[in-house]
Structures are given as C-alpha cells and as structure tokens.
Protein backbone atom coordinates (compact mmCIF):
# COMPACT_ATOMS: atom_id res chain seq x y z
CA MET A 1 0.00 0.00 0.00
CA GLN A 2 1.33 3.43 -0.96
CA LYS A 3 -0.20 6.76 0.01
CA ASP A 4 0.96 9.89 -1.75
CA ARG A 5 0.29 13.63 -1.50
CA ARG A 6 1.85 16.11 -3.91
CA TYR A 7 1.25 19.76 -4.62
CA THR A 8 3.00 22.90 -5.83
CA TYR A 9 2.08 26.50 -5.19
CA ALA A 10 3.61 29.92 -5.80
CA LEU A 11 4.72 32.36 -3.08
CA ASP A 12 6.10 35.87 -3.32
CA LEU A 13 9.03 35.87 -0.87
CA SER A 14 9.51 39.63 -1.30
CA LYS A 15 6.01 40.24 0.10
CA ASN A 16 6.08 38.19 3.26
CA SER A 17 5.50 34.90 1.38
CA ILE A 18 1.97 35.70 0.27
CA PRO A 19 0.35 33.24 -2.19
CA VAL A 20 0.45 34.31 -5.84
CA PRO A 21 -2.65 33.24 -7.82
CA SER A 22 -2.06 31.94 -11.35
CA LYS A 23 -4.32 32.27 -14.38
CA THR A 24 -6.57 29.58 -12.82
CA GLY A 25 -7.28 31.86 -9.84
CA SER A 26 -5.40 29.66 -7.36
CA ALA A 27 -1.82 29.75 -6.09
CA TYR A 28 -1.71 25.96 -6.49
CA SER A 29 -0.51 24.53 -9.80
CA TYR A 30 -1.90 21.17 -8.65
CA ASP A 31 -3.01 19.51 -5.41
CA ILE A 32 -3.18 15.72 -5.60
CA SER A 33 -3.80 12.87 -3.14
CA ASP A 34 -3.71 9.22 -4.21
CA LEU A 35 -3.68 5.78 -2.63
CA ASN A 36 -2.30 2.68 -4.41
CA THR A 37 -3.00 -0.84 -3.11
CA THR A 38 -1.25 -3.92 -4.57
CA ILE A 39 -1.75 -7.65 -3.85
CA GLN A 40 0.23 -10.31 -5.78
CA PRO A 41 -0.26 -13.98 -4.79
CA TYR A 42 1.88 -16.41 -6.82
CA LEU A 43 2.90 -20.06 -7.18
CA GLU A 44 6.25 -21.25 -8.59
CA LEU A 45 7.38 -24.75 -9.62
CA ASP A 46 10.86 -25.98 -10.68
CA ILE A 47 11.16 -29.18 -12.75
CA HIS A 48 14.32 -31.10 -13.77
CA PRO A 49 13.01 -33.24 -16.68
CA TRP A 50 16.41 -34.44 -17.96
CA LYS A 51 20.11 -33.94 -17.31
CA GLY A 52 21.25 -30.33 -17.50
CA ALA A 53 17.75 -28.90 -17.92
CA VAL A 54 15.65 -26.79 -15.54
CA ILE A 55 12.09 -25.70 -16.29
CA LYS A 56 10.67 -22.91 -14.12
CA SER A 57 6.94 -22.30 -14.28
CA CYS A 58 5.11 -19.61 -12.36
CA VAL A 59 1.63 -18.12 -12.17
CA LYS A 60 0.88 -14.83 -10.45
CA TYR A 61 -2.23 -12.72 -10.12
CA SER A 62 -1.81 -8.96 -9.73
CA MET A 63 -4.54 -6.90 -8.08
CA PHE A 64 -4.03 -3.14 -8.14
CA THR A 65 -6.41 -0.42 -6.92
CA MET A 66 -5.76 3.28 -7.50
CA ASP A 67 -7.77 5.92 -5.60
CA TYR A 68 -7.34 9.42 -6.99
CA ASP A 69 -8.65 12.49 -5.14
CA VAL A 70 -7.58 15.94 -6.31
CA ALA A 71 -8.64 19.47 -5.54
CA ILE A 72 -6.76 20.84 -8.56
CA ASN A 73 -5.74 18.41 -11.30
CA LYS A 74 -2.36 18.82 -12.98
CA SER A 75 -3.56 19.22 -16.59
CA THR A 76 -7.18 20.34 -16.41
CA LYS A 77 -6.87 22.42 -13.18
CA MET A 78 -10.26 20.97 -12.17
CA PRO A 79 -11.21 18.76 -9.17
CA LEU A 80 -11.58 15.01 -9.70
CA ASN A 81 -12.41 11.97 -7.56
CA ASP A 82 -12.08 8.52 -9.12
CA THR A 83 -11.16 4.91 -8.30
CA GLN A 84 -9.81 2.37 -10.78
CA TYR A 85 -9.25 -1.37 -10.21
CA PHE A 86 -6.91 -3.47 -12.35
CA GLY A 87 -6.33 -7.21 -12.25
CA SER A 88 -4.41 -9.64 -14.43
CA TRP A 89 -3.08 -13.22 -14.52
CA GLN A 90 0.68 -13.40 -15.23
CA PRO A 91 1.81 -16.93 -16.13
CA SER A 92 5.40 -17.60 -17.22
CA ILE A 93 7.57 -20.54 -18.21
CA ALA A 94 11.33 -20.67 -18.75
CA ILE A 95 13.79 -23.41 -19.65
CA ASN A 96 17.53 -23.40 -19.15
CA GLN A 97 19.62 -26.11 -20.82
CA ARG A 98 23.30 -26.71 -20.11
CA ILE A 99 24.74 -27.81 -23.47
CA MET A 100 28.34 -28.17 -22.29
CA LYS A 101 30.16 -27.44 -19.04
CA ASN A 102 30.72 -23.82 -20.05
CA TRP A 103 27.86 -23.30 -22.52
CA SER A 104 24.13 -22.95 -21.84
CA ALA A 105 21.00 -21.75 -23.63
CA TYR A 106 17.67 -20.50 -22.36
CA ALA A 107 14.18 -19.51 -23.51
CA GLN A 108 11.29 -17.82 -21.75
CA ILE A 109 7.67 -16.85 -22.36
CA ALA A 110 5.90 -14.59 -19.87
CA ARG A 111 2.85 -12.38 -19.64
CA GLY A 112 3.43 -8.92 -18.20
CA PHE A 113 1.09 -6.44 -16.59
CA LEU A 114 1.48 -2.72 -15.86
CA ALA A 115 -1.19 -0.50 -14.37
CA PRO A 116 -1.60 2.87 -16.12
CA PRO A 117 0.46 5.78 -14.78
CA MET A 118 -1.16 8.35 -12.54
CA SER A 119 -1.11 10.80 -15.46
CA VAL A 120 -4.11 9.05 -17.07
CA PHE A 121 -6.20 10.64 -14.31
CA GLN A 122 -5.21 14.13 -15.40
CA VAL A 123 -8.28 14.53 -17.60
CA LYS A 124 -11.85 15.77 -17.08
CA SER A 125 -13.38 12.25 -17.12
CA VAL A 126 -11.27 9.10 -16.71
CA GLY A 127 -13.74 6.45 -17.92
CA ASN A 128 -12.68 2.79 -18.07
CA VAL A 129 -8.87 2.73 -18.30
CA LYS A 130 -7.32 -0.54 -19.45
CA PRO A 131 -3.92 -1.65 -18.08
CA GLU A 132 -0.93 -2.41 -20.28
CA THR A 133 -0.34 -6.11 -20.87
CA THR A 134 2.53 -7.80 -22.70
CA LEU A 135 3.54 -11.17 -24.06
CA ASN A 136 7.32 -11.46 -23.70
CA TYR A 137 9.46 -13.91 -25.66
CA GLN A 138 13.18 -14.27 -25.03
CA VAL A 139 15.89 -16.67 -26.19
CA GLY A 140 19.60 -16.57 -25.60
CA SER A 141 22.86 -18.35 -25.02
CA VAL A 142 25.89 -17.81 -22.77
CA TYR A 143 29.42 -19.19 -23.30
CA HIS A 144 32.33 -18.93 -20.86
CA GLY A 145 35.86 -19.46 -22.18
CA LYS A 146 39.07 -19.50 -20.18
CA ASN A 147 39.57 -15.73 -20.27
CA TRP A 148 36.38 -14.49 -21.87
CA MET A 149 32.59 -14.54 -21.75
CA LEU A 150 30.10 -14.00 -24.56
CA SER A 151 26.30 -13.89 -24.50
CA LEU A 152 23.70 -13.38 -27.22
CA ASP A 153 20.09 -12.57 -26.49
CA GLY A 154 16.99 -11.89 -28.60
CA TYR A 155 13.65 -10.54 -27.41
CA TYR A 156 10.16 -9.89 -28.79
CA ILE A 157 7.52 -8.06 -26.72
CA ASP A 158 3.91 -7.71 -27.84
CA PHE A 159 2.18 -4.80 -26.06
CA SER A 160 -1.57 -4.38 -25.73
CA ASN A 161 -3.17 -1.14 -24.48
CA TYR A 162 0.13 0.67 -24.80
CA ILE A 163 0.00 3.94 -22.81
CA ALA A 164 1.85 6.79 -24.56
CA SER A 165 2.43 10.46 -23.92
CA ALA A 166 0.62 12.93 -26.17
CA GLN A 167 0.42 16.71 -26.43
CA ILE A 168 -3.07 18.23 -26.13
CA LYS A 169 -4.42 21.76 -26.09
CA VAL A 170 -6.52 22.71 -23.07
CA ASP A 171 -8.72 25.79 -23.36
CA GLY A 172 -7.38 28.58 -21.20
CA ILE A 173 -4.27 26.61 -20.30
CA GLY A 174 -2.37 25.95 -23.53
CA THR A 175 -0.47 22.88 -24.72
CA THR A 176 0.18 20.24 -22.07
CA SER A 177 1.17 16.58 -21.86
CA THR A 178 -1.23 13.77 -21.10
CA TYR A 179 -1.37 9.99 -21.63
CA VAL A 180 -3.50 8.10 -24.14
CA ASN A 181 -4.13 4.44 -24.97
CA SER A 182 -2.24 3.96 -28.23
CA GLY A 183 -3.44 0.40 -28.82
CA GLY A 184 -0.63 -2.09 -29.49
CA ALA A 185 3.12 -1.90 -30.02
CA ILE A 186 5.92 -4.34 -30.79
CA TYR A 187 9.37 -4.16 -29.18
CA LYS A 188 12.09 -6.42 -30.58
CA GLY A 189 15.85 -6.54 -30.62
CA ILE A 190 19.13 -8.40 -30.30
CA GLU A 191 21.77 -7.85 -27.62
CA LEU A 192 25.41 -8.98 -27.62
CA GLU A 193 27.56 -8.78 -24.49
CA GLY A 194 31.15 -9.84 -23.88
CA GLN A 195 34.08 -9.51 -21.52
CA TYR A 196 37.72 -10.41 -22.07
CA VAL A 197 40.28 -10.75 -19.26
CA ILE A 198 43.58 -9.28 -20.45
CA GLY A 199 45.49 -10.21 -17.31
CA TYR A 200 47.17 -8.48 -14.38
CA GLY A 201 43.72 -7.32 -13.21
CA PHE A 202 42.70 -5.71 -16.53
CA SER A 203 39.67 -6.65 -18.59
CA LEU A 204 37.68 -5.27 -21.50
CA TYR A 205 33.88 -5.08 -21.52
CA GLY A 206 31.40 -4.40 -24.30
CA ASN A 207 27.65 -4.46 -24.84
CA TYR A 208 25.78 -3.74 -28.08
CA SER A 209 22.07 -3.92 -28.85
CA VAL A 210 19.91 -3.21 -31.88
CA ASN A 211 16.35 -2.27 -30.94
CA ASP A 212 13.12 -1.61 -32.79
CA ALA A 213 9.87 -0.40 -31.23
CA ARG A 214 6.89 0.48 -33.42
CA TYR A 215 3.15 0.71 -33.09
CA LYS A 216 1.19 -2.15 -34.62
CA HIS A 217 0.11 -1.67 -38.25
CA SER A 218 2.25 1.47 -38.42
CA THR A 219 5.75 2.68 -39.27
CA VAL A 220 5.70 5.13 -36.35
CA ARG A 221 8.42 4.44 -33.78
CA VAL A 222 7.62 4.48 -30.07
CA ALA A 223 9.02 7.66 -28.52
CA THR A 224 12.13 7.60 -26.28
CA THR A 225 13.28 4.20 -27.62
CA PRO A 226 16.80 4.48 -29.13
CA ASP A 227 17.55 2.32 -32.18
CA LEU A 228 21.04 1.44 -30.87
CA LEU A 229 22.59 1.15 -27.42
CA ALA A 230 26.20 0.34 -26.63
CA SER A 231 28.59 0.45 -23.71
CA PHE A 232 32.30 -0.31 -23.72
CA GLY A 233 35.29 0.19 -21.51
CA LEU A 234 38.36 -0.88 -19.58
CA LEU A 235 38.23 -2.26 -16.03
CA TYR A 236 40.97 -2.92 -13.49
CA GLU A 237 40.58 -4.83 -10.22
CA ASN A 238 43.18 -5.49 -7.54
CA PRO A 239 41.70 -7.11 -4.39
CA LYS A 240 44.62 -5.79 -2.34
CA GLY A 241 44.44 -2.16 -3.45
CA PRO A 242 43.43 -0.02 -6.41
CA TYR A 243 40.56 -0.49 -8.85
CA PHE A 244 39.10 1.65 -11.61
CA SER A 245 36.79 1.62 -14.62
CA LEU A 246 36.54 3.84 -17.67
CA MET A 247 33.22 3.23 -19.42
CA GLY A 248 31.72 4.82 -22.50
CA LYS A 249 28.03 4.79 -23.38
CA TYR A 250 26.43 5.33 -26.78
CA VAL A 251 22.71 6.10 -27.14
CA GLY A 252 21.31 6.06 -30.66
CA HIS A 253 18.75 8.44 -32.07
CA HIS A 254 15.10 8.38 -31.06
CA TRP A 255 11.96 10.48 -31.34
CA GLY A 256 10.69 12.76 -28.58
CA LEU A 257 7.00 12.29 -29.36
CA ASP A 258 5.02 9.60 -31.16
CA SER A 259 1.41 10.76 -30.87
CA THR A 260 -0.50 13.99 -30.77
CA THR A 261 -4.13 15.13 -31.01
CA ASN A 262 -5.82 16.93 -33.88
CA ALA A 263 -8.29 19.81 -33.66
CA ALA A 264 -11.15 17.34 -33.13
CA GLY A 265 -9.38 15.83 -30.10
CA ASN A 266 -8.54 12.52 -31.80
CA ALA A 267 -5.19 10.84 -31.14
CA LEU A 268 -2.88 10.57 -34.14
CA PHE A 269 0.33 8.54 -34.54
CA GLU A 270 3.11 10.80 -35.74
CA ASN A 271 6.82 11.01 -34.93
CA GLN A 272 8.03 14.47 -33.97
CA TYR A 273 11.17 16.06 -32.50
CA LYS A 274 14.05 13.78 -33.48
CA ILE A 275 16.72 13.41 -30.78
CA HIS A 276 20.17 12.64 -32.20
CA SER A 277 22.64 10.12 -30.79
CA ASN A 278 25.17 10.98 -28.09
CA VAL A 279 28.21 9.47 -26.37
CA THR A 280 29.21 9.93 -22.73
CA ALA A 281 31.97 8.50 -20.53
CA ASP A 282 32.21 7.76 -16.80
CA LEU A 283 35.37 7.28 -14.73
CA ALA A 284 35.39 5.51 -11.37
CA LEU A 285 38.45 4.75 -9.24
CA GLY A 286 39.23 3.84 -5.68
CA TRP A 287 41.68 2.16 -3.32
CA ARG A 288 40.99 -0.53 -0.73
CA ILE A 289 43.23 0.04 2.28
CA HIS A 290 43.27 -3.11 4.43
CA ASN A 291 44.25 -3.54 8.08
CA ILE A 292 44.62 0.17 8.68
CA GLY A 293 44.83 -0.33 12.42
CA GLY A 294 43.09 1.39 15.29
CA PHE A 295 39.33 0.89 15.52
CA MET A 296 38.89 0.63 11.73
CA ARG A 297 39.70 -2.55 9.80
CA ASP A 298 39.37 -1.39 6.17
CA VAL A 299 39.02 2.00 4.50
CA THR A 300 38.06 2.58 0.85
CA PRO A 301 38.18 6.08 -0.64
CA SER A 302 36.62 6.29 -4.10
CA LEU A 303 35.96 8.89 -6.76
CA LYS A 304 33.36 8.86 -9.54
CA ILE A 305 33.29 11.35 -12.41
CA SER A 306 30.12 11.15 -14.48
CA ASN A 307 30.00 12.61 -18.00
CA LEU A 308 33.77 12.91 -17.97
CA PHE A 309 34.00 15.06 -21.12
CA ASN A 310 31.07 17.31 -20.15
CA ASN A 311 28.85 16.41 -23.09
CA ARG A 312 25.79 18.74 -23.02
CA SER A 313 23.91 17.31 -25.99
CA ILE A 314 20.13 17.36 -26.20
CA SER A 315 18.92 14.08 -24.69
CA ASP A 316 15.11 14.17 -24.77
CA PHE A 317 11.96 16.11 -25.55
CA ALA A 318 10.54 18.06 -22.58
CA GLY A 319 7.13 19.16 -23.87
CA ASN A 320 5.92 22.41 -25.39
CA GLN A 321 5.65 25.93 -24.08
CA SER A 322 2.20 26.83 -22.80
CA TYR A 323 2.24 29.91 -25.01
CA GLY A 324 3.49 29.63 -28.56
CA ASP A 325 3.82 25.82 -28.42
CA ALA A 326 7.59 26.00 -29.03
CA PRO A 327 9.28 22.64 -28.31
CA LEU A 328 11.41 22.32 -25.17
CA TYR A 329 14.29 19.86 -24.69
CA TRP A 330 16.32 18.26 -21.93
CA ARG A 331 20.10 18.31 -22.14
CA LEU A 332 22.53 15.87 -20.57
CA ALA A 333 23.60 16.88 -17.09
CA GLY A 334 27.12 18.29 -17.10
CA ARG A 335 30.19 16.73 -15.56
CA SER A 336 29.75 15.73 -11.92
CA VAL A 337 32.31 14.60 -9.36
CA PHE A 338 31.38 12.43 -6.39
CA PHE A 339 33.79 11.42 -3.62
CA ASN A 340 32.96 8.61 -1.22
CA MET A 341 34.71 7.12 1.81
CA THR A 342 33.69 3.84 3.43
CA ALA A 343 35.14 2.20 6.51
CA THR A 344 34.74 -1.25 8.08
CA PHE A 345 34.72 -1.55 11.85
CA PRO A 346 35.58 -4.78 13.69
C-alpha cells in the first residue's frame, strides 16, 4: 500500500511569502492525493526433466487499486475523484539447458502487466482505463571461455493497451502533456555482451544492442526508444588495493514524441522532434586500504566522475511551451564529481 500527496504553489518571498494566484485563480498549480494498493499472490514450480535442464513455471495474479482524489488536477486544473481497479493473470515458463560445461542456452515466455500511470487521471473524465499487458518472448545463449565470456540474447515483446504520452491543447491553459491508450506496439531486438580478461587485473567489456519499437500496423516508432545502445570500456581490479573503470556509453537516435491530437481531439500517430545520438563516458576509481589499524579494519576512498568530457547534448523532448507551443528539450547533465569514503569496523 502506498499513500501519496503532492502539490506545488507559488509564493512571493519579497512580500512576506503571500500566495500568488495563477491564471486559474489559485496559487496551487496542482493539489493531488492518491492511494495505491497492490496484492500479488503467486505459485512457482521448478522441474528437472532431464540432465542439464531446468524448467521454471510460475503463475501470479496482480490486483491493483488506485484511488485518486484531487482538488486541482495537474492538466485540467479541475477537481476530480475517481477509483480504478486493475487485475491480471501473469503466467510464465522458462527453460535453461546446459549444453556443455561452459555453454548454456535459455528460452522464456511470460505475460506482463502494468497499471496505467497516474497521469491518465489528469483529464476531465477518466472512464474505463485498461492496463498495459505484454507477451514477452526471449531466447539466448551464454558461453564462458578460459579468459572471456560471450552472450547473445533476442527478445520480442507484444504490447496491448500501450500507454503513450501525447500533447493536447486545453482551453485557457495551452499545450500540455497527457497519456493516451495507443493500442498495441511491438518491441524487438538483439543484444550482444562480452568480456575479455587481459590479465594483471585488466579486462575489456562491451555491450551492443539493436532495438526496434513500433506501433502495430504502423511505421511510427515508439518515442524515447533508441535504435542502438552500446557500452564499452576498460576495467581494473586489484583485491589488495586499487581499482578503476573507464566506461563509454552510446545512445542512438530516437523520437521525442510519437502521438498527438488533432483539432477534433482525436489521437494521431506521428513522430516528432528527433533526438540525435550521443556518447558519454564515466570514470570511477578507488583504493581498498586493508588492516589500517586502530578501531577501523578497512578504508576505501573512491571517486566517480560522471559525464567525464562534459557532453551537453540534447537528450530528450521536454514538452511544449504553454504559449506559442515552441518545443522544449532536456540536455545531458554536465560533468559531476562524487567522492565517497567507506570504513569497516571490527
């Protein structure tokens, strides 16, 4: 069970913190209370049908109730009181087969369930909201050599009642974001991951995936889903002292928005606001100091530098201005430095 209260309001600090009414006549931008209740009974069974094989089967039932009570809604600026109940069976089955001592393969089929986000309540009338459901298919294989590891994985996810963000125009308010049921979508892709131990504590790591996410019966790509993802880097590990990692991350291009509404208020599939690819790097290093003496046994100072080269590229779409409807964008956070010190006491 989760109870939540959130609100924002404007104050004028130069005038003894008096409330400042907005164009809605209230100082509050929104004032929301909600209660979420979740119950998930499940049963799991492991079977060993033949040598080297394990079959895991599971069935779960998810029950989710969302109570929404607002004095001022976030999008409409109107009061709303509503309760929605969602329930779904979630069976799954997976098999893992050891082919050789250092080589195995696996496959899995599972049904997923996701209740709609709270944003679906930010409308004048909620109606009967359907939860997202998925059928997930996954196959893969993992091989361990003497100094290296390689894995290959493929996935296919069939979404029903896919909830997507859309831009709408609200009279007297302007353009704002809301969520709509976009029907179905298909996610699919292939991922390759590997690690090679060079020696003397050094190793190389790499991960590369090709991804495709589109709405059913359409060429429109699902927003915020990059076509390529990759990470790569050098790692060093010395149990008696220093360690560090230098990792790069590549995020391919994606679209900021995949649906909008026309003048009649109907949802339309349409890709807008292309976000180009970007590359960032993170550096982490530290030193394990053992048997330091006194009342401390071990001390480990460490340093992490995120976005090492201070890449400030545009990373995502952030909605439209209320007036003028000009697009807004998020940029990558700049370089950050974090120092940490841990100590172990006897």
